[in-house]
Amino acid sequence: EDNSSVILIAATNRPDILDPALLRPGRFDRRVTVDRPDVRGREQILRVHAEGKPFAGDVDFERLSKITPGFTGADLANLMNESALLAARRHKETIGPGEVEEAMERVMAGPERKSRVITERERRVIAYHESGHALVGHVLENSDPIHKISIVSRGQALGYTMQVPEEDHFLETRDGMLDQIAVLLAGRTAEELFCDDITTGASNDLERATKLARTMVTRYGMSDELGAQVFGEAQHEVFLGRDYANHQDYSAETAKRIDDEVERIMREGHGRARTVLDERRGQMDTMARVLLERETVEGEAVDALLEDRWDEYVTDEKGEAES
């Protein structure tokens, strides 16, 4: 029978493990990549999911789309639904910016866990840890702007520093990745400088920083010592029962050089973070003290802390309250 009008469509989120035989002409011979939405796409998706919900007039969907890079359509739908649920729990007739902001943090990091019992010593360590991330992230020019700092537990994190890029990034630079590593290591560095001991709180930061440093060396050719080449041949034939991993196609001597380069990048990142924090000890003490008092700072308060003008900000804040 004539089958010229038959079109077979399939979808997968793992195109890297498909059998090449499936992709020959006459089979699945056209591939359409559905990437995560850009800033304009996110705004349109937000408006679609906002229909039928009583959002207040001061909810800025354009701004919200700019501070949600990397969100998928499902994430954005969840964000709108969470906002509505929060407003209902708070017995509000409309969904305001506060509910949207809280919903965004829930999607990114999980719900707040204020019931978690944390000792005063641990709170102090967390305050310095998050202050370290924020201050180094503010000082390094290739780091994303700091949006919020909190020592309130959320999800598995005991505290968090929220960085929000000003625009979508489709390419990462070497300087930007080196700054990311320094920011990730800044929490542990702050513990070294301002607390009596180091803790396990930096385990995820260390894991992410080490993975990023190794990726720079082995996948992106960003090592002056080893040059512009890729190390390790990827094994893609998962459908044949193989693990998705890298085959070591280099010598033991080269492996040692890779390890040395990763260690150098990590040590330099740690050194950069230490230099920034050591030069701003007084500011770090102020940031930690404010976090212990307020637990969460955002907006103008974050800017005042990071720009070392907290006393001026508090004076203006008191004046506005009295007036």
Protein backbone atom coordinates (compact mmCIF):
# COMPACT_ATOMS: atom_id res chain seq x y z
CA GLU A 1 0.00 0.00 0.00
CA ASP A 2 1.06 3.57 -0.54
CA ASN A 3 2.66 4.92 2.65
CA SER A 4 3.81 8.32 1.40
CA SER A 5 1.52 10.12 3.85
CA VAL A 6 2.80 8.22 6.88
CA ILE A 7 5.15 10.18 9.15
CA LEU A 8 6.79 8.55 12.15
CA ILE A 9 7.79 10.89 14.96
CA ALA A 10 9.70 9.97 18.11
CA ALA A 11 11.20 11.91 20.99
CA THR A 12 14.07 11.30 23.37
CA ASN A 13 16.11 13.26 25.88
CA ARG A 14 19.15 11.01 25.24
CA PRO A 15 19.97 11.31 21.51
CA ASP A 16 23.59 10.52 22.35
CA ILE A 17 22.83 6.84 23.05
CA LEU A 18 20.69 6.04 19.98
CA ASP A 19 21.80 3.22 17.69
CA PRO A 20 23.22 4.92 14.54
CA ALA A 21 21.17 2.50 12.44
CA LEU A 22 18.02 4.30 13.60
CA LEU A 23 19.26 7.57 12.13
CA ARG A 24 19.96 6.42 8.58
CA PRO A 25 18.08 8.10 5.69
CA GLY A 26 14.60 6.66 5.34
CA ARG A 27 14.30 6.01 9.08
CA PHE A 28 14.66 8.84 11.59
CA ASP A 29 16.47 10.98 9.07
CA ARG A 30 15.56 14.43 10.37
CA ARG A 31 16.41 15.59 13.86
CA VAL A 32 14.80 18.63 15.48
CA THR A 33 16.47 19.92 18.64
CA VAL A 34 14.05 21.33 21.21
CA ASP A 35 16.31 23.31 23.51
CA ARG A 36 15.48 25.11 26.73
CA PRO A 37 13.59 28.35 26.04
CA ASP A 38 15.44 31.65 25.74
CA VAL A 39 14.37 34.80 27.60
CA ARG A 40 11.60 35.65 25.13
CA GLY A 41 10.33 32.10 25.10
CA ARG A 42 10.29 31.98 28.91
CA GLU A 43 8.20 35.15 29.09
CA GLN A 44 5.64 33.73 26.64
CA ILE A 45 5.49 30.42 28.51
CA LEU A 46 5.01 32.25 31.84
CA ARG A 47 2.13 34.26 30.40
CA VAL A 48 0.48 31.09 29.05
CA HIS A 49 0.58 29.40 32.46
CA ALA A 50 -0.49 32.62 34.21
CA GLU A 51 -3.80 32.70 32.32
CA GLY A 52 -6.77 32.15 34.60
CA LYS A 53 -4.74 32.91 37.73
CA PRO A 54 -5.25 36.16 39.70
CA PHE A 55 -1.79 37.69 39.40
CA ALA A 56 -1.34 41.17 40.84
CA GLY A 57 -0.56 44.00 38.48
CA ASP A 58 2.96 44.50 39.85
CA VAL A 59 4.13 40.99 38.87
CA ASP A 60 6.70 41.68 36.15
CA PHE A 61 6.80 38.68 33.80
CA GLU A 62 9.55 40.25 31.69
CA ARG A 63 11.84 40.55 34.73
CA LEU A 64 10.88 37.06 35.90
CA SER A 65 11.88 35.61 32.55
CA LYS A 66 15.30 37.26 32.85
CA ILE A 67 16.05 35.77 36.29
CA THR A 68 15.03 32.21 35.39
CA PRO A 69 17.74 31.17 32.87
CA GLY A 70 17.91 27.43 32.35
CA PHE A 71 14.29 26.84 33.37
CA THR A 72 12.39 24.44 31.14
CA GLY A 73 8.74 24.82 30.21
CA ALA A 74 7.84 22.34 32.96
CA ASP A 75 9.87 24.35 35.51
CA LEU A 76 8.03 27.54 34.54
CA ALA A 77 4.65 25.82 34.78
CA ASN A 78 5.60 24.54 38.23
CA LEU A 79 6.69 28.06 39.18
CA MET A 80 3.26 29.49 38.30
CA ASN A 81 1.42 26.69 40.13
CA GLU A 82 3.59 27.05 43.24
CA SER A 83 2.92 30.80 43.25
CA ALA A 84 -0.82 30.18 43.23
CA LEU A 85 -0.57 27.59 46.03
CA LEU A 86 1.49 29.95 48.21
CA ALA A 87 -1.02 32.75 47.72
CA ALA A 88 -3.87 30.41 48.67
CA ARG A 89 -2.06 29.27 51.83
CA ARG A 90 -1.53 32.90 52.79
CA HIS A 91 -5.25 33.64 52.20
CA LYS A 92 -4.50 36.23 49.53
CA GLU A 93 -6.90 37.11 46.75
CA THR A 94 -4.10 37.85 44.28
CA ILE A 95 -0.67 36.36 43.57
CA GLY A 96 2.00 38.96 44.26
CA PRO A 97 5.76 39.28 43.61
CA GLY A 98 6.51 37.79 47.05
CA GLU A 99 4.76 34.53 46.20
CA VAL A 100 6.45 34.38 42.79
CA GLU A 101 9.89 34.95 44.33
CA GLU A 102 9.33 32.26 46.98
CA ALA A 103 8.02 29.84 44.34
CA MET A 104 11.12 30.41 42.20
CA GLU A 105 13.38 29.51 45.12
CA ARG A 106 11.28 26.42 45.86
CA VAL A 107 11.72 25.24 42.27
CA MET A 108 15.48 25.93 42.34
CA ALA A 109 16.46 24.77 45.83
CA GLY A 110 13.44 23.20 47.52
CA PRO A 111 11.16 24.47 50.33
CA GLU A 112 12.45 26.25 53.41
CA ARG A 113 13.18 24.02 56.44
CA LYS A 114 12.95 26.45 59.33
CA SER A 115 12.11 23.57 61.67
CA ARG A 116 15.64 22.18 61.31
CA VAL A 117 17.48 22.67 64.61
CA ILE A 118 20.92 24.25 64.07
CA THR A 119 23.29 25.23 66.86
CA GLU A 120 24.57 28.80 67.17
CA ARG A 121 28.08 27.65 66.25
CA GLU A 122 26.79 26.03 63.08
CA ARG A 123 24.74 29.12 62.22
CA ARG A 124 27.91 31.21 62.53
CA VAL A 125 29.82 28.84 60.23
CA ILE A 126 26.99 28.91 57.67
CA ALA A 127 26.84 32.72 57.83
CA TYR A 128 30.56 33.06 57.07
CA HIS A 129 30.36 30.30 54.43
CA GLU A 130 27.58 32.03 52.48
CA SER A 131 29.16 35.46 52.96
CA GLY A 132 32.33 34.07 51.38
CA HIS A 133 30.46 32.83 48.31
CA ALA A 134 28.64 36.15 47.95
CA LEU A 135 31.60 38.49 48.44
CA VAL A 136 33.94 36.64 46.07
CA GLY A 137 31.09 36.36 43.54
CA HIS A 138 30.58 40.12 43.79
CA VAL A 139 34.26 41.04 43.43
CA LEU A 140 35.20 38.78 40.49
CA GLU A 141 34.17 40.47 37.25
CA ASN A 142 33.12 37.34 35.33
CA SER A 143 30.75 36.12 38.06
CA ASP A 144 26.96 36.49 37.90
CA PRO A 145 25.36 39.17 40.12
CA ILE A 146 24.34 38.17 43.66
CA HIS A 147 20.55 38.18 44.05
CA LYS A 148 20.03 36.81 47.55
CA ILE A 149 21.93 35.40 50.55
CA SER A 150 20.27 33.20 53.16
CA ILE A 151 21.25 30.97 56.07
CA VAL A 152 17.79 29.37 56.19
CA SER A 153 17.89 25.68 55.27
CA ARG A 154 16.27 24.91 51.94
CA GLY A 155 16.14 21.39 50.55
CA GLN A 156 19.44 19.68 51.42
CA ALA A 157 21.33 22.97 51.68
CA LEU A 158 21.96 24.56 55.09
CA GLY A 159 22.18 27.98 53.42
CA TYR A 160 22.45 29.33 49.90
CA THR A 161 23.67 32.24 47.81
CA MET A 162 21.57 32.92 44.73
CA GLN A 163 23.34 34.25 41.66
CA VAL A 164 21.21 35.39 38.75
CA PRO A 165 22.80 36.11 35.33
CA GLU A 166 21.77 39.31 33.61
CA GLU A 167 21.31 37.48 30.31
CA ASP A 168 21.34 33.96 28.86
CA HIS A 169 24.77 32.44 28.17
CA PHE A 170 25.29 29.94 25.36
CA LEU A 171 29.09 29.91 25.56
CA GLU A 172 31.29 29.71 28.65
CA THR A 173 34.65 31.48 28.70
CA ARG A 174 37.79 30.22 30.44
CA ASP A 175 37.95 33.31 32.67
CA GLY A 176 34.30 32.83 33.58
CA MET A 177 34.84 29.19 34.52
CA LEU A 178 37.90 30.06 36.61
CA ASP A 179 35.81 32.65 38.45
CA GLN A 180 33.10 30.01 39.02
CA ILE A 181 35.68 27.75 40.64
CA ALA A 182 36.91 30.56 42.91
CA VAL A 183 33.32 31.36 43.98
CA LEU A 184 32.61 27.67 44.70
CA LEU A 185 35.75 27.43 46.85
CA ALA A 186 35.03 30.70 48.67
CA GLY A 187 32.72 29.08 51.23
CA ARG A 188 35.38 26.63 52.42
CA THR A 189 37.97 29.43 52.32
CA ALA A 190 35.78 31.60 54.55
CA GLU A 191 35.55 28.77 57.07
CA GLU A 192 39.36 28.52 57.10
CA LEU A 193 39.82 32.25 57.69
CA PHE A 194 36.99 33.10 60.08
CA CYS A 195 35.99 29.88 61.89
CA ASP A 196 37.93 27.63 64.21
CA ASP A 197 37.78 24.65 61.86
CA ILE A 198 36.58 23.53 58.43
CA THR A 199 33.39 21.51 58.02
CA THR A 200 31.67 19.11 55.64
CA GLY A 201 29.39 21.90 54.42
CA ALA A 202 31.55 22.53 51.35
CA SER A 203 31.37 18.95 50.01
CA ASN A 204 29.06 19.79 47.11
CA ASP A 205 31.03 22.96 46.31
CA LEU A 206 34.26 20.96 46.16
CA GLU A 207 32.68 18.28 43.97
CA ARG A 208 31.35 20.85 41.48
CA ALA A 209 34.60 22.83 41.40
CA THR A 210 36.73 19.70 40.85
CA LYS A 211 34.43 18.45 38.09
CA LEU A 212 34.53 21.85 36.37
CA ALA A 213 38.35 22.03 36.58
CA ARG A 214 38.73 18.51 35.14
CA THR A 215 36.26 19.28 32.36
CA MET A 216 38.24 22.39 31.44
CA VAL A 217 41.39 20.30 31.08
CA THR A 218 40.03 17.11 29.47
CA ARG A 219 37.05 18.26 27.37
CA TYR A 220 37.51 21.95 26.54
CA GLY A 221 41.26 22.12 25.92
CA MET A 222 41.63 25.07 28.32
CA SER A 223 45.01 24.06 29.74
CA ASP A 224 48.13 25.89 28.56
CA GLU A 225 50.23 23.00 29.86
CA LEU A 226 48.41 20.25 27.92
CA GLY A 227 47.18 22.28 24.96
CA ALA A 228 44.00 22.29 22.91
CA GLN A 229 43.07 18.62 22.84
CA VAL A 230 40.51 16.25 24.30
CA PHE A 231 41.51 13.44 26.64
CA GLY A 232 39.37 10.32 26.92
CA GLU A 233 37.26 8.85 24.12
CA ALA A 234 33.56 8.77 24.99
CA GLN A 235 31.83 5.38 24.86
CA HIS A 236 28.43 6.08 23.30
CA GLU A 237 27.27 2.55 22.55
CA VAL A 238 25.08 2.24 25.62
CA PHE A 239 22.55 0.26 23.60
CA LEU A 240 25.19 -2.51 23.33
CA GLY A 241 25.27 -2.83 27.08
CA ARG A 242 28.29 -0.59 27.69
CA ASP A 243 28.45 2.04 30.37
CA TYR A 244 28.30 5.67 29.34
CA ALA A 245 31.87 6.58 30.26
CA ASN A 246 35.21 7.73 28.89
CA HIS A 247 37.82 5.31 27.59
CA GLN A 248 41.30 6.31 28.77
CA ASP A 249 43.22 6.68 25.50
CA TYR A 250 46.27 8.33 27.05
CA SER A 251 49.31 7.18 29.00
CA ALA A 252 49.83 7.08 32.76
CA GLU A 253 52.25 9.98 32.37
CA THR A 254 49.56 12.09 30.69
CA ALA A 255 47.06 11.11 33.38
CA LYS A 256 49.52 12.43 35.96
CA ARG A 257 49.84 15.71 34.03
CA ILE A 258 46.03 16.02 33.90
CA ASP A 259 45.81 15.49 37.65
CA ASP A 260 48.53 18.10 38.18
CA GLU A 261 46.67 20.63 36.03
CA VAL A 262 43.38 20.04 37.86
CA GLU A 263 45.19 20.48 41.17
CA ARG A 264 46.82 23.71 39.92
CA ILE A 265 43.47 25.18 38.82
CA MET A 266 41.91 24.28 42.17
CA ARG A 267 44.81 25.75 44.16
CA GLU A 268 44.76 28.97 42.14
CA GLY A 269 40.99 29.27 42.62
CA HIS A 270 41.42 28.76 46.35
CA GLY A 271 44.21 31.36 46.39
CA ARG A 272 42.11 33.94 44.56
CA ALA A 273 39.21 33.44 46.96
CA ARG A 274 41.53 33.71 49.97
CA THR A 275 43.05 36.96 48.69
CA VAL A 276 39.63 38.57 48.23
CA LEU A 277 38.36 37.52 51.67
CA ASP A 278 41.60 38.27 53.54
CA GLU A 279 41.56 41.84 52.21
CA ARG A 280 37.95 42.35 53.34
CA ARG A 281 37.88 40.83 56.82
CA GLY A 282 35.89 43.69 58.34
CA GLN A 283 33.27 43.50 55.60
CA MET A 284 33.00 39.72 56.08
CA ASP A 285 32.39 40.19 59.81
CA THR A 286 29.61 42.68 59.02
CA MET A 287 27.99 40.36 56.47
CA ALA A 288 28.03 37.38 58.84
CA ARG A 289 26.60 39.49 61.68
CA VAL A 290 23.76 40.78 59.49
CA LEU A 291 22.95 37.27 58.27
CA LEU A 292 22.81 35.98 61.83
CA GLU A 293 20.39 38.80 62.71
CA ARG A 294 18.18 38.76 59.61
CA GLU A 295 18.80 35.25 58.22
CA THR A 296 17.98 36.41 54.67
CA VAL A 297 19.04 39.53 52.75
CA GLU A 298 18.04 40.48 49.22
CA GLY A 299 17.48 43.46 46.97
CA GLU A 300 18.95 46.74 48.21
CA ALA A 301 20.16 45.07 51.42
CA VAL A 302 22.38 42.69 49.43
CA ASP A 303 23.79 45.57 47.41
CA ALA A 304 24.55 47.52 50.59
CA LEU A 305 26.36 44.56 52.16
CA LEU A 306 28.42 43.76 49.09
CA GLU A 307 29.34 47.41 48.50
CA ASP A 308 30.38 47.82 52.17
CA ARG A 309 27.89 50.58 53.01
CA TRP A 310 25.70 48.73 55.48
CA ASP A 311 25.69 51.47 58.15
CA GLU A 312 24.49 54.02 55.60
CA TYR A 313 21.75 51.65 54.41
CA VAL A 314 20.51 50.98 57.99
CA THR A 315 20.37 54.74 58.68
CA ASP A 316 18.27 55.32 55.55
CA GLU A 317 16.08 52.32 56.44
CA LYS A 318 15.38 53.73 59.91
CA GLY A 319 14.61 57.16 58.47
CA GLU A 320 12.07 55.72 56.05
CA ALA A 321 10.44 53.68 58.81
CA GLU A 322 10.07 56.73 61.07
CA SER A 323 8.67 58.89 58.31
